[in-house]
C-alpha cells in the first residue's frame, strides 16, 4: 500500500473554494490562514495515492476545548493555536495534550475505508511526535462524513443549516476508535 504524501500547495485554493460552497464557516476562512495551518503542521495535511485528502489540525488542548464548546469559531483558528511540528522535531517542550480537529477529509477515488485509514494515519503521526490526543472533532455536512464520525463513537454537539439546505453537524469524541467492521 502506497503511503500518503504532503498535500501539494496548489490544491489548497480549490479545496477552500469547494468547502465555501457548502460550509458557511469556510466563507470566512482566508487562503492565507489555511496556508498558515498547513505550515504549522505539514505532516497532517496529506494526499493519498488515489486522490483522497485529509487536513487535520493538532490544536493545543485549551484552544481545542474552546473550539468544541463553541467559544472559538473554526475560521478563527490561528496557527498559534496549533502544536508546531518544528518544536517536536527540535526536541523542544511538548504539551501533554492536544485535540485533533479534522478540517477536511475527502475520499476522491480512494476505496471504502478511507476515512478510517486517514484518521489512523493522523493518529500515528501525532503519536510519533510524542503527543497525547485528548479529543477529536470535525464539522461534517455529508451523510458519509456524519456517518464516519459516528462510526468512531463521536457525538453530535450542534447542528446548523448549510448553504445548500443540508445540515452541518459538529461532532466530537474524547477518543478515536476504529469502527467495528461489518461481518
Protein backbone atom coordinates (compact mmCIF):
# COMPACT_ATOMS: atom_id res chain seq x y z
CA UNK A 1 0.00 0.00 0.00
CA UNK A 2 1.39 3.39 -1.00
CA UNK A 3 1.86 5.97 1.73
CA UNK A 4 0.27 9.40 1.59
CA UNK A 5 2.36 12.40 0.54
CA UNK A 6 2.29 16.01 1.72
CA UNK A 7 -0.66 17.92 0.32
CA UNK A 8 0.54 19.99 -2.66
CA UNK A 9 0.01 23.74 -2.11
CA UNK A 10 -1.81 24.13 -5.45
CA UNK A 11 -4.73 22.05 -4.06
CA UNK A 12 -5.48 24.43 -1.17
CA UNK A 13 -7.39 27.10 -3.14
CA UNK A 14 -9.67 24.54 -4.88
CA UNK A 15 -10.32 22.76 -1.54
CA UNK A 16 -11.23 26.05 0.12
CA UNK A 17 -13.47 27.04 -2.82
CA UNK A 18 -15.30 23.71 -2.72
CA UNK A 19 -15.79 23.93 1.05
CA UNK A 20 -17.05 27.51 0.75
CA UNK A 21 -19.93 26.23 -1.39
CA UNK A 22 -21.27 24.12 1.48
CA UNK A 23 -19.73 25.25 4.74
CA UNK A 24 -20.69 28.73 5.98
CA UNK A 25 -17.51 28.92 8.05
CA UNK A 26 -15.29 28.38 5.03
CA UNK A 27 -16.55 31.65 3.53
CA UNK A 28 -14.83 33.40 6.44
CA UNK A 29 -11.63 31.39 6.18
CA UNK A 30 -8.89 33.04 4.11
CA UNK A 31 -6.47 31.12 1.94
CA UNK A 32 -3.58 32.68 3.88
CA UNK A 33 -4.98 31.35 7.17
CA UNK A 34 -5.44 27.87 5.66
CA UNK A 35 -1.84 28.01 4.40
CA UNK A 36 -0.66 29.01 7.89
CA UNK A 37 -2.33 25.88 9.31
CA UNK A 38 -0.52 23.71 6.77
CA UNK A 39 2.79 25.46 7.52
CA UNK A 40 2.36 24.81 11.26
CA UNK A 41 1.52 21.11 10.87
CA UNK A 42 2.55 19.92 7.40
CA UNK A 43 2.63 16.21 8.25
CA UNK A 44 -1.12 16.21 8.97
CA UNK A 45 -2.16 17.62 5.58
CA UNK A 46 -1.99 14.63 3.29
CA UNK A 47 -2.78 13.48 -0.22
CA UNK A 48 -3.44 9.76 -0.53
CA UNK A 49 -2.48 7.81 -3.70
CA UNK A 50 -5.90 7.76 -5.38
CA UNK A 51 -6.70 11.36 -4.54
CA UNK A 52 -8.10 11.25 -1.03
CA UNK A 53 -7.23 14.23 1.17
CA UNK A 54 -7.13 14.99 4.89
CA UNK A 55 -6.24 18.24 6.64
CA UNK A 56 -6.08 17.72 10.40
CA UNK A 57 -5.20 20.42 12.91
CA UNK A 58 -3.26 19.45 16.07
CA UNK A 59 -4.68 22.09 18.40
CA UNK A 60 -3.26 22.86 21.83
CA UNK A 61 -5.77 21.36 24.28
CA UNK A 62 -7.08 24.66 25.68
CA UNK A 63 -7.82 26.01 22.19
CA UNK A 64 -9.36 22.73 21.04
CA UNK A 65 -11.68 22.79 24.07
CA UNK A 66 -12.68 26.36 23.15
CA UNK A 67 -13.46 25.14 19.63
CA UNK A 68 -15.64 22.21 20.66
CA UNK A 69 -17.55 24.26 23.24
CA UNK A 70 -18.34 26.93 20.66
CA UNK A 71 -16.21 29.68 22.22
CA UNK A 72 -13.90 29.62 19.18
CA UNK A 73 -15.11 29.50 15.57
CA UNK A 74 -13.39 27.23 13.10
CA UNK A 75 -12.43 30.16 10.85
CA UNK A 76 -10.80 31.91 13.83
CA UNK A 77 -8.32 29.10 14.49
CA UNK A 78 -4.92 30.76 14.39
CA UNK A 79 -1.73 28.87 13.56
CA UNK A 80 -0.50 29.88 17.04
CA UNK A 81 -3.26 27.62 18.46
CA UNK A 82 -1.69 24.58 16.76
CA UNK A 83 1.15 22.48 18.08
CA UNK A 84 4.11 23.41 15.86
CA UNK A 85 5.79 20.30 14.50
CA UNK A 86 9.13 22.10 14.40
CA UNK A 87 9.07 22.28 18.21
CA UNK A 88 8.88 18.49 18.49
CA UNK A 89 11.41 17.99 15.70
CA UNK A 90 13.93 20.13 17.56
CA UNK A 91 13.40 18.46 20.93
CA UNK A 92 11.55 21.44 22.38
CA UNK A 93 8.89 21.35 25.07
CA UNK A 94 5.87 19.26 24.29
CA UNK A 95 2.40 19.86 25.69
CA UNK A 96 0.83 16.88 27.40
CA UNK A 97 -2.37 17.00 25.37
CA UNK A 98 -3.68 18.21 22.05
CA UNK A 99 -7.05 17.94 20.32
CA UNK A 100 -7.28 16.97 16.66
CA UNK A 101 -9.73 18.93 14.53
CA UNK A 102 -10.32 17.43 11.09
CA UNK A 103 -10.89 20.47 8.85
CA UNK A 104 -11.21 18.49 5.61
CA UNK A 105 -11.44 14.84 4.67
CA UNK A 106 -12.44 13.73 1.20
CA UNK A 107 -12.35 10.30 -0.40
CA UNK A 108 -11.96 11.15 -4.17
CA UNK A 109 -11.27 7.74 -5.67
CA UNK A 110 -9.93 6.15 -2.52
CA UNK A 111 -11.58 2.81 -1.70
CA UNK A 112 -14.14 2.36 1.10
CA UNK A 113 -12.48 2.58 4.48
CA UNK A 114 -10.52 5.70 3.51
CA UNK A 115 -11.80 7.75 6.45
CA UNK A 116 -10.59 5.15 8.95
CA UNK A 117 -7.25 4.88 7.15
CA UNK A 118 -6.77 8.66 7.03
CA UNK A 119 -7.61 9.11 10.72
CA UNK A 120 -5.32 6.23 11.70
CA UNK A 121 -2.51 7.87 9.71
CA UNK A 122 -3.08 11.15 11.58
CA UNK A 123 -3.15 9.33 14.93
CA UNK A 124 0.14 7.53 14.20
CA UNK A 125 1.85 10.74 13.08
CA UNK A 126 0.72 12.65 16.19
CA UNK A 127 1.84 9.84 18.49
CA UNK A 128 5.22 9.75 16.69
CA UNK A 129 5.68 13.37 17.82
CA UNK A 130 5.24 12.18 21.41
CA UNK A 131 1.90 13.95 21.89
CA UNK A 132 -1.23 12.69 23.65
CA UNK A 133 -4.59 13.22 21.96
CA UNK A 134 -7.28 14.49 24.32
CA UNK A 135 -10.09 14.50 21.75
CA UNK A 136 -11.18 14.66 18.13
CA UNK A 137 -13.59 16.96 16.31
CA UNK A 138 -14.95 17.73 12.86
CA UNK A 139 -17.61 19.80 11.16
CA UNK A 140 -19.48 17.42 8.86
CA UNK A 141 -22.12 18.13 6.22
CA UNK A 142 -22.47 14.98 4.13
CA UNK A 143 -24.16 11.82 5.31
CA UNK A 144 -20.88 9.98 4.64
CA UNK A 145 -18.95 12.44 6.82
CA UNK A 146 -21.52 12.36 9.60
CA UNK A 147 -21.66 8.56 9.43
CA UNK A 148 -17.87 8.32 9.53
CA UNK A 149 -17.68 10.43 12.68
CA UNK A 150 -20.47 8.46 14.32
CA UNK A 151 -18.71 5.20 13.45
CA UNK A 152 -15.75 6.46 15.50
CA UNK A 153 -18.04 6.86 18.51
CA UNK A 154 -18.19 10.65 18.27
CA UNK A 155 -21.29 12.53 19.40
CA UNK A 156 -23.11 15.48 17.91
CA UNK A 157 -22.58 18.80 19.64
CA UNK A 158 -24.58 21.13 17.40
CA UNK A 159 -26.49 21.21 14.14
CA UNK A 160 -26.54 24.18 11.79
CA UNK A 161 -28.06 24.84 8.37
CA UNK A 162 -25.71 24.59 5.38
CA UNK A 163 -25.90 26.81 2.30
CA UNK A 164 -27.41 24.01 0.24
CA UNK A 165 -30.19 23.45 2.77
CA UNK A 166 -28.49 20.41 4.28
CA UNK A 167 -27.27 20.16 7.82
CA UNK A 168 -23.89 20.85 9.29
CA UNK A 169 -23.01 18.85 12.36
CA UNK A 170 -20.27 19.48 14.85
CA UNK A 171 -19.12 16.09 16.01
CA UNK A 172 -16.56 15.34 18.67
CA UNK A 173 -15.20 12.46 20.65
CA UNK A 174 -12.91 12.07 23.60
CA UNK A 175 -11.07 9.32 21.81
CA UNK A 176 -10.79 7.73 18.42
CA UNK A 177 -11.88 4.20 17.98
CA UNK A 178 -11.91 2.29 14.76
CA UNK A 179 -15.37 1.27 13.64
CA UNK A 180 -16.20 -2.40 14.04
CA UNK A 181 -16.15 -4.00 10.59
CA UNK A 182 -19.42 -5.46 9.36
CA UNK A 183 -19.35 -9.24 9.07
